[in-house]
Amino acid sequence: MRKTTSKFVCLLGLGLFLTSASAMADGYGPAGCGLGSMIFEPDSGFTQVFAATTNGTSGNQTFGITSGTSNCAGGETKAASAKAFVQTNRATLAKDIARGNGETIVSLTQLAGCQNPAAVGATLQKNFRTIFPNASVSDVAVSESVVVVLKSEQSLSCGGLS
């Protein structure tokens, strides 16, 4: 049993070593992106355990990956980030779009690379029936519609959408 444990530890160490080089190229260490990567340096060695613990206990890494925040703004495009955000926050976003303003519209504006949350809110409100044609429309269809609306309105300056 002792041999198996030491083999496992060696393989784990080798795996961390091999992944750490590519992770550091992304601006974070083997613990990945998230709050832990912002607190602890990527090349800080053993303290990456604390970075991973911080990410795991606070639950911020999943949100960071989805929203592109907390040092998790990897290769994902702004359109993909906006779509993921819409899918994750559909119910709240629907209410804010109906009103034409709200926190989810401000966040969506930032993720999509738009300039003016008030203009984004007004445009989405004007296109509410296009975005939500019926109650059974899928989250994916809603997110696609939101991105199409944002892309099509030149005055919004959503240059980050591709």
Protein backbone atom coordinates (compact mmCIF):
# COMPACT_ATOMS: atom_id res chain seq x y z
CA MET A 1 0.00 0.00 0.00
CA ARG A 2 2.90 2.33 0.72
CA LYS A 3 4.29 1.88 -2.82
CA THR A 4 0.92 2.79 -4.33
CA THR A 5 0.71 5.95 -2.26
CA SER A 6 4.19 7.11 -3.20
CA LYS A 7 3.53 6.38 -6.89
CA PHE A 8 0.34 8.42 -6.68
CA VAL A 9 2.15 11.34 -5.05
CA CYS A 10 4.87 11.23 -7.72
CA LEU A 11 2.31 11.19 -10.53
CA LEU A 12 0.37 14.02 -8.91
CA GLY A 13 3.54 16.10 -8.57
CA LEU A 14 4.48 15.43 -12.19
CA GLY A 15 1.00 16.41 -13.31
CA LEU A 16 1.14 19.67 -11.39
CA PHE A 17 4.58 20.41 -12.81
CA LEU A 18 3.45 19.82 -16.37
CA THR A 19 0.27 21.88 -16.03
CA SER A 20 1.94 24.72 -14.17
CA ALA A 21 3.97 25.84 -17.18
CA SER A 22 0.90 26.31 -19.36
CA ALA A 23 -1.09 27.81 -16.50
CA MET A 24 1.55 30.43 -15.79
CA ALA A 25 1.40 31.50 -19.40
CA ASP A 26 -2.25 32.41 -18.72
CA GLY A 27 -1.34 34.62 -15.74
CA TYR A 28 -2.22 32.17 -13.00
CA GLY A 29 -0.61 29.14 -11.40
CA PRO A 30 -1.65 25.51 -11.15
CA ALA A 31 -4.62 26.42 -8.94
CA GLY A 32 -6.26 28.10 -11.91
CA CYS A 33 -7.96 31.44 -12.22
CA GLY A 34 -10.22 32.93 -9.56
CA LEU A 35 -9.78 34.94 -6.37
CA GLY A 36 -6.90 32.70 -5.30
CA SER A 37 -4.95 33.62 -8.44
CA MET A 38 -5.38 37.28 -7.62
CA ILE A 39 -4.17 36.90 -4.02
CA PHE A 40 -1.28 34.45 -4.54
CA GLU A 41 1.47 34.80 -7.15
CA PRO A 42 1.42 32.20 -9.96
CA ASP A 43 4.98 31.08 -9.24
CA SER A 44 4.56 30.99 -5.46
CA GLY A 45 5.00 27.20 -5.22
CA PHE A 46 3.30 25.59 -2.26
CA THR A 47 1.05 28.59 -1.66
CA GLN A 48 -0.87 27.51 -4.76
CA VAL A 49 -2.54 25.06 -2.37
CA PHE A 50 -3.94 28.09 -0.57
CA ALA A 51 -4.96 29.63 -3.90
CA ALA A 52 -6.85 26.45 -4.83
CA THR A 53 -8.47 26.33 -1.38
CA THR A 54 -9.54 29.98 -1.72
CA ASN A 55 -11.02 29.29 -5.15
CA GLY A 56 -12.80 26.16 -3.95
CA THR A 57 -14.24 27.47 -0.71
CA SER A 58 -15.44 30.80 -2.06
CA GLY A 59 -16.98 29.34 -5.22
CA ASN A 60 -15.69 32.25 -7.27
CA GLN A 61 -13.76 30.26 -9.86
CA THR A 62 -16.88 28.94 -11.61
CA PHE A 63 -18.41 32.40 -11.70
CA GLY A 64 -15.12 33.86 -12.92
CA ILE A 65 -14.90 31.38 -15.77
CA THR A 66 -18.50 32.03 -16.76
CA SER A 67 -18.32 35.79 -16.55
CA GLY A 68 -14.70 36.32 -17.58
CA THR A 69 -13.80 38.02 -14.31
CA SER A 70 -11.40 37.21 -11.45
CA ASN A 71 -8.43 36.66 -13.75
CA CYS A 72 -10.46 34.14 -15.84
CA ALA A 73 -10.71 36.12 -19.05
CA GLY A 74 -8.93 33.49 -21.14
CA GLY A 75 -9.50 32.95 -24.83
CA GLU A 76 -13.27 33.18 -24.69
CA THR A 77 -14.75 35.87 -26.92
CA LYS A 78 -16.94 38.64 -25.59
CA ALA A 79 -19.89 37.16 -27.50
CA ALA A 80 -19.38 33.78 -25.81
CA SER A 81 -19.07 35.47 -22.41
CA ALA A 82 -22.23 37.48 -23.03
CA LYS A 83 -24.14 34.37 -24.11
CA ALA A 84 -23.01 32.42 -21.04
CA PHE A 85 -24.00 35.34 -18.81
CA VAL A 86 -27.46 35.59 -20.41
CA GLN A 87 -28.03 31.85 -20.04
CA THR A 88 -26.96 31.88 -16.40
CA ASN A 89 -28.98 34.98 -15.46
CA ARG A 90 -32.00 34.58 -17.75
CA ALA A 91 -34.77 35.18 -15.21
CA THR A 92 -33.23 38.30 -13.68
CA LEU A 93 -32.18 39.61 -17.08
CA ALA A 94 -35.73 39.18 -18.43
CA LYS A 95 -37.06 41.39 -15.63
CA ASP A 96 -34.35 44.00 -16.22
CA ILE A 97 -34.95 43.98 -19.99
CA ALA A 98 -38.68 44.49 -19.38
CA ARG A 99 -37.80 47.53 -17.21
CA GLY A 100 -35.01 48.71 -19.52
CA ASN A 101 -32.41 48.90 -16.73
CA GLY A 102 -30.87 46.98 -13.87
CA GLU A 103 -27.70 45.34 -12.61
CA THR A 104 -27.76 42.49 -15.12
CA ILE A 105 -27.94 44.97 -18.00
CA VAL A 106 -24.95 46.87 -16.58
CA SER A 107 -22.99 43.60 -16.27
CA LEU A 108 -24.01 42.47 -19.75
CA THR A 109 -22.95 45.86 -21.15
CA GLN A 110 -19.47 45.40 -19.67
CA LEU A 111 -19.12 41.78 -20.80
CA ALA A 112 -20.21 42.62 -24.35
CA GLY A 113 -17.81 45.55 -24.56
CA CYS A 114 -20.61 48.09 -25.04
CA GLN A 115 -20.29 51.69 -23.88
CA ASN A 116 -23.64 52.80 -22.44
CA PRO A 117 -25.79 50.61 -20.14
CA ALA A 118 -28.80 52.95 -20.52
CA ALA A 119 -28.69 52.63 -24.31
CA VAL A 120 -28.24 48.86 -24.08
CA GLY A 121 -31.22 48.64 -21.70
CA ALA A 122 -33.43 50.75 -23.98
CA THR A 123 -32.46 48.71 -27.05
CA LEU A 124 -33.06 45.38 -25.34
CA GLN A 125 -36.38 46.64 -23.95
CA LYS A 126 -37.46 47.72 -27.43
CA ASN A 127 -36.62 44.20 -28.70
CA PHE A 128 -38.16 42.29 -25.78
CA ARG A 129 -40.63 40.37 -28.01
CA THR A 130 -37.81 39.35 -30.34
CA ILE A 131 -35.64 38.13 -27.48
CA PHE A 132 -38.49 36.42 -25.60
CA PRO A 133 -41.03 35.41 -28.30
CA ASN A 134 -42.74 32.99 -25.87
CA ALA A 135 -42.29 31.53 -22.40
CA SER A 136 -40.83 28.25 -23.67
CA VAL A 137 -37.96 29.77 -25.67
CA SER A 138 -34.66 28.10 -24.73
CA ASP A 139 -31.87 29.82 -22.83
CA VAL A 140 -29.59 29.32 -25.83
CA ALA A 141 -32.10 31.00 -28.18
CA VAL A 142 -32.46 33.92 -25.75
CA SER A 143 -28.70 34.37 -25.53
CA GLU A 144 -28.35 34.23 -29.33
CA SER A 145 -31.10 36.84 -29.73
CA VAL A 146 -29.52 39.19 -27.19
CA VAL A 147 -26.15 39.05 -28.96
CA VAL A 148 -27.79 39.56 -32.38
CA VAL A 149 -29.65 42.62 -31.08
CA LEU A 150 -26.49 44.06 -29.52
CA LYS A 151 -24.48 43.46 -32.69
CA SER A 152 -27.12 44.92 -34.99
CA GLU A 153 -27.47 48.24 -33.17
CA GLN A 154 -24.43 50.24 -34.28
CA SER A 155 -25.10 53.12 -31.88
CA LEU A 156 -24.39 50.83 -28.89
CA SER A 157 -20.71 50.56 -29.84
CA CYS A 158 -20.49 46.92 -28.80
CA GLY A 159 -17.22 46.51 -30.63
CA GLY A 160 -16.17 43.55 -28.52
CA LEU A 161 -18.80 41.24 -30.01
CA SER A 162 -17.55 39.12 -32.85
